[in-house]
Amino acid sequence: MSTAVMTDWNTEPSPRLQARIAGVLYLIVIGTGIFAEIFVREAVTVSGDAAATVSNILAHGCAFGWASRLSARWRLCHAWNVPAACIA
């Protein structure tokens, strides 16, 4: 007769851990969205001069593209009140 004890380990993370991870991801999305809106877009746009704005966008296309993506993700999270983990 075997006396081995079978242990059933619960491999799912706890709801508290899942909530903390979602909260951290949500803060990251908020922070990157604010950074994209304030610093990147303000540095690229020139008020009243469309030609200079287009020139800046073409010169800094990668930064402007990332700012647009981060800003869109930030706006989606706020518009639909979606946890950041669902979008990331």
N, C-alpha and C. Protein backbone atom coordinates (compact mmCIF):
# COMPACT_ATOMS: atom_id res chain seq x y z
N MET A 1 0.83 -1.17 0.00
CA MET A 1 0.00 0.00 0.00
C MET A 1 0.89 1.24 0.00
N SER A 2 0.58 2.18 -0.86
CA SER A 2 1.38 3.39 -1.00
C SER A 2 0.86 4.47 -0.06
N THR A 3 1.79 5.16 0.56
CA THR A 3 1.41 6.24 1.46
C THR A 3 1.73 7.62 0.87
N ALA A 4 1.96 7.63 -0.43
CA ALA A 4 2.28 8.90 -1.08
C ALA A 4 1.06 9.83 -1.04
N VAL A 5 1.32 11.05 -0.72
CA VAL A 5 0.25 12.04 -0.63
C VAL A 5 0.28 12.89 -1.90
N MET A 6 -0.85 13.00 -2.53
CA MET A 6 -0.93 13.83 -3.73
C MET A 6 -1.29 15.25 -3.31
N THR A 7 -0.51 16.16 -3.78
CA THR A 7 -0.80 17.56 -3.49
C THR A 7 -1.31 18.22 -4.77
N ASP A 8 -2.36 18.94 -4.61
CA ASP A 8 -2.96 19.65 -5.74
C ASP A 8 -2.65 21.13 -5.58
N TRP A 9 -1.63 21.57 -6.30
CA TRP A 9 -1.22 22.97 -6.21
C TRP A 9 -2.12 23.83 -7.08
N ASN A 10 -2.55 24.89 -6.52
CA ASN A 10 -3.36 25.83 -7.27
C ASN A 10 -2.41 26.72 -8.07
N THR A 11 -2.47 26.62 -9.40
CA THR A 11 -1.54 27.36 -10.25
C THR A 11 -2.10 28.69 -10.72
N GLU A 12 -3.35 28.99 -10.41
CA GLU A 12 -3.93 30.26 -10.81
C GLU A 12 -3.47 31.36 -9.86
N PRO A 13 -3.15 32.53 -10.41
CA PRO A 13 -2.81 33.64 -9.52
C PRO A 13 -4.04 34.11 -8.77
N SER A 14 -3.82 34.63 -7.60
CA SER A 14 -4.93 35.09 -6.78
C SER A 14 -5.57 36.34 -7.39
N PRO A 15 -6.83 36.58 -7.10
CA PRO A 15 -7.48 37.80 -7.61
C PRO A 15 -6.78 39.08 -7.16
N ARG A 16 -6.21 39.07 -5.98
CA ARG A 16 -5.49 40.25 -5.50
C ARG A 16 -4.25 40.52 -6.36
N LEU A 17 -3.51 39.46 -6.71
CA LEU A 17 -2.34 39.61 -7.57
C LEU A 17 -2.75 40.09 -8.96
N GLN A 18 -3.82 39.53 -9.50
CA GLN A 18 -4.31 39.97 -10.80
C GLN A 18 -4.72 41.44 -10.77
N ALA A 19 -5.34 41.87 -9.71
CA ALA A 19 -5.75 43.27 -9.57
C ALA A 19 -4.54 44.19 -9.47
N ARG A 20 -3.53 43.76 -8.76
CA ARG A 20 -2.32 44.58 -8.65
C ARG A 20 -1.60 44.69 -9.99
N ILE A 21 -1.52 43.60 -10.72
CA ILE A 21 -0.88 43.63 -12.04
C ILE A 21 -1.67 44.55 -12.97
N ALA A 22 -3.00 44.43 -12.96
CA ALA A 22 -3.83 45.31 -13.80
C ALA A 22 -3.66 46.76 -13.40
N GLY A 23 -3.56 47.03 -12.11
CA GLY A 23 -3.37 48.40 -11.65
C GLY A 23 -2.04 48.98 -12.09
N VAL A 24 -0.98 48.19 -12.01
CA VAL A 24 0.34 48.66 -12.46
C VAL A 24 0.33 48.91 -13.96
N LEU A 25 -0.26 48.00 -14.73
CA LEU A 25 -0.34 48.21 -16.18
C LEU A 25 -1.18 49.43 -16.52
N TYR A 26 -2.23 49.65 -15.77
CA TYR A 26 -3.08 50.81 -16.00
C TYR A 26 -2.31 52.11 -15.73
N LEU A 27 -1.52 52.13 -14.66
CA LEU A 27 -0.70 53.30 -14.37
C LEU A 27 0.35 53.53 -15.45
N ILE A 28 0.90 52.46 -16.00
CA ILE A 28 1.87 52.59 -17.09
C ILE A 28 1.21 53.20 -18.31
N VAL A 29 0.01 52.73 -18.64
CA VAL A 29 -0.70 53.28 -19.80
C VAL A 29 -1.03 54.75 -19.58
N ILE A 30 -1.47 55.11 -18.39
CA ILE A 30 -1.78 56.51 -18.10
C ILE A 30 -0.52 57.37 -18.21
N GLY A 31 0.57 56.90 -17.63
CA GLY A 31 1.81 57.66 -17.67
C GLY A 31 2.35 57.85 -19.08
N THR A 32 2.33 56.80 -19.87
CA THR A 32 2.82 56.93 -21.25
C THR A 32 1.90 57.79 -22.09
N GLY A 33 0.60 57.73 -21.84
CA GLY A 33 -0.34 58.57 -22.57
C GLY A 33 -0.15 60.04 -22.26
N ILE A 34 0.05 60.35 -21.00
CA ILE A 34 0.28 61.74 -20.61
C ILE A 34 1.62 62.23 -21.19
N PHE A 35 2.64 61.39 -21.14
CA PHE A 35 3.93 61.74 -21.73
C PHE A 35 3.79 62.02 -23.22
N ALA A 36 3.04 61.16 -23.92
CA ALA A 36 2.86 61.34 -25.36
C ALA A 36 2.12 62.62 -25.67
N GLU A 37 1.09 62.92 -24.89
CA GLU A 37 0.30 64.12 -25.15
C GLU A 37 1.07 65.40 -24.84
N ILE A 38 1.76 65.43 -23.72
CA ILE A 38 2.38 66.68 -23.27
C ILE A 38 3.71 66.93 -23.96
N PHE A 39 4.61 65.97 -23.92
CA PHE A 39 5.96 66.22 -24.36
C PHE A 39 6.17 66.01 -25.86
N VAL A 40 5.73 64.90 -26.39
CA VAL A 40 6.02 64.59 -27.79
C VAL A 40 5.17 65.44 -28.72
N ARG A 41 3.88 65.46 -28.52
CA ARG A 41 3.02 66.23 -29.42
C ARG A 41 3.29 67.72 -29.35
N GLU A 42 3.55 68.23 -28.16
CA GLU A 42 3.83 69.66 -28.02
C GLU A 42 5.15 70.03 -28.70
N ALA A 43 6.10 69.14 -28.69
CA ALA A 43 7.39 69.42 -29.32
C ALA A 43 7.29 69.39 -30.85
N VAL A 44 6.34 68.63 -31.38
CA VAL A 44 6.23 68.47 -32.83
C VAL A 44 5.34 69.55 -33.45
N THR A 45 4.27 69.91 -32.80
CA THR A 45 3.32 70.85 -33.40
C THR A 45 3.78 72.29 -33.24
N VAL A 46 3.51 73.09 -34.29
CA VAL A 46 3.81 74.51 -34.29
C VAL A 46 2.49 75.24 -34.49
N SER A 47 2.09 76.01 -33.52
CA SER A 47 0.81 76.70 -33.58
C SER A 47 0.80 77.74 -34.69
N GLY A 48 -0.18 77.64 -35.59
CA GLY A 48 -0.35 78.61 -36.65
C GLY A 48 0.50 78.39 -37.88
N ASP A 49 1.34 77.34 -37.89
CA ASP A 49 2.20 77.08 -39.05
C ASP A 49 2.13 75.61 -39.42
N ALA A 50 1.23 75.30 -40.35
CA ALA A 50 1.02 73.91 -40.75
C ALA A 50 2.24 73.33 -41.44
N ALA A 51 2.94 74.14 -42.23
CA ALA A 51 4.12 73.64 -42.95
C ALA A 51 5.23 73.23 -41.97
N ALA A 52 5.43 74.03 -40.93
CA ALA A 52 6.44 73.69 -39.93
C ALA A 52 6.03 72.44 -39.15
N THR A 53 4.74 72.28 -38.87
CA THR A 53 4.27 71.09 -38.17
C THR A 53 4.51 69.84 -39.01
N VAL A 54 4.18 69.92 -40.30
CA VAL A 54 4.41 68.77 -41.19
C VAL A 54 5.90 68.46 -41.29
N SER A 55 6.72 69.49 -41.36
CA SER A 55 8.16 69.30 -41.41
C SER A 55 8.67 68.60 -40.14
N ASN A 56 8.16 69.02 -38.99
CA ASN A 56 8.55 68.38 -37.72
C ASN A 56 8.08 66.93 -37.65
N ILE A 57 6.87 66.67 -38.13
CA ILE A 57 6.35 65.30 -38.11
C ILE A 57 7.19 64.41 -39.00
N LEU A 58 7.57 64.90 -40.17
CA LEU A 58 8.41 64.11 -41.08
C LEU A 58 9.81 63.90 -40.51
N ALA A 59 10.32 64.90 -39.81
CA ALA A 59 11.65 64.77 -39.23
C ALA A 59 11.67 63.85 -38.02
N HIS A 60 10.58 63.82 -37.27
CA HIS A 60 10.50 63.00 -36.06
C HIS A 60 9.34 62.02 -36.18
N GLY A 61 9.27 61.33 -37.29
CA GLY A 61 8.15 60.44 -37.57
C GLY A 61 8.00 59.29 -36.59
N CYS A 62 9.11 58.71 -36.18
CA CYS A 62 9.05 57.57 -35.26
C CYS A 62 8.48 58.00 -33.91
N ALA A 63 8.97 59.11 -33.39
CA ALA A 63 8.46 59.60 -32.10
C ALA A 63 6.99 59.98 -32.20
N PHE A 64 6.62 60.61 -33.31
CA PHE A 64 5.23 61.01 -33.48
C PHE A 64 4.33 59.78 -33.60
N GLY A 65 4.79 58.74 -34.29
CA GLY A 65 4.02 57.51 -34.42
C GLY A 65 3.80 56.83 -33.07
N TRP A 66 4.87 56.75 -32.28
CA TRP A 66 4.74 56.15 -30.95
C TRP A 66 3.82 56.97 -30.07
N ALA A 67 3.93 58.28 -30.17
CA ALA A 67 3.06 59.15 -29.37
C ALA A 67 1.60 58.94 -29.76
N SER A 68 1.35 58.78 -31.03
CA SER A 68 -0.03 58.56 -31.48
C SER A 68 -0.58 57.23 -30.96
N ARG A 69 0.24 56.19 -31.02
CA ARG A 69 -0.20 54.88 -30.52
C ARG A 69 -0.44 54.91 -29.02
N LEU A 70 0.47 55.51 -28.27
CA LEU A 70 0.31 55.58 -26.82
C LEU A 70 -0.88 56.43 -26.44
N SER A 71 -1.07 57.50 -27.15
CA SER A 71 -2.21 58.37 -26.87
C SER A 71 -3.53 57.65 -27.17
N ALA A 72 -3.57 56.90 -28.25
CA ALA A 72 -4.78 56.16 -28.60
C ALA A 72 -5.09 55.10 -27.55
N ARG A 73 -4.07 54.41 -27.08
CA ARG A 73 -4.26 53.39 -26.04
C ARG A 73 -4.77 54.03 -24.76
N TRP A 74 -4.22 55.19 -24.41
CA TRP A 74 -4.63 55.91 -23.21
C TRP A 74 -6.09 56.35 -23.33
N ARG A 75 -6.46 56.87 -24.49
CA ARG A 75 -7.83 57.32 -24.69
C ARG A 75 -8.82 56.16 -24.68
N LEU A 76 -8.44 55.01 -25.24
CA LEU A 76 -9.32 53.85 -25.20
C LEU A 76 -9.58 53.39 -23.77
N CYS A 77 -8.54 53.39 -22.96
CA CYS A 77 -8.70 52.97 -21.57
C CYS A 77 -9.64 53.90 -20.82
N HIS A 78 -9.54 55.20 -21.09
CA HIS A 78 -10.40 56.14 -20.39
C HIS A 78 -11.81 56.21 -20.96
N ALA A 79 -11.94 56.02 -22.26
CA ALA A 79 -13.27 56.13 -22.87
C ALA A 79 -14.16 54.96 -22.47
N TRP A 80 -13.59 53.77 -22.43
CA TRP A 80 -14.40 52.59 -22.14
C TRP A 80 -14.16 52.04 -20.75
N ASN A 81 -13.29 52.68 -19.98
CA ASN A 81 -12.95 52.21 -18.64
C ASN A 81 -12.49 50.77 -18.66
N VAL A 82 -11.59 50.48 -19.60
CA VAL A 82 -11.07 49.14 -19.80
C VAL A 82 -9.76 49.00 -19.03
N PRO A 83 -9.56 47.89 -18.33
CA PRO A 83 -8.26 47.69 -17.68
C PRO A 83 -7.14 47.64 -18.72
N ALA A 84 -5.99 48.15 -18.33
CA ALA A 84 -4.86 48.23 -19.25
C ALA A 84 -4.40 46.85 -19.71
N ALA A 85 -4.57 45.83 -18.89
CA ALA A 85 -4.12 44.50 -19.25
C ALA A 85 -4.84 43.97 -20.48
N CYS A 86 -6.06 44.42 -20.72
CA CYS A 86 -6.81 43.96 -21.89
C CYS A 86 -6.28 44.56 -23.17
N ILE A 87 -5.67 45.73 -23.09
CA ILE A 87 -5.20 46.42 -24.29
C ILE A 87 -3.73 46.15 -24.54
N ALA A 88 -2.96 45.92 -23.49
CA ALA A 88 -1.51 45.75 -23.63
C ALA A 88 -1.14 44.51 -24.34
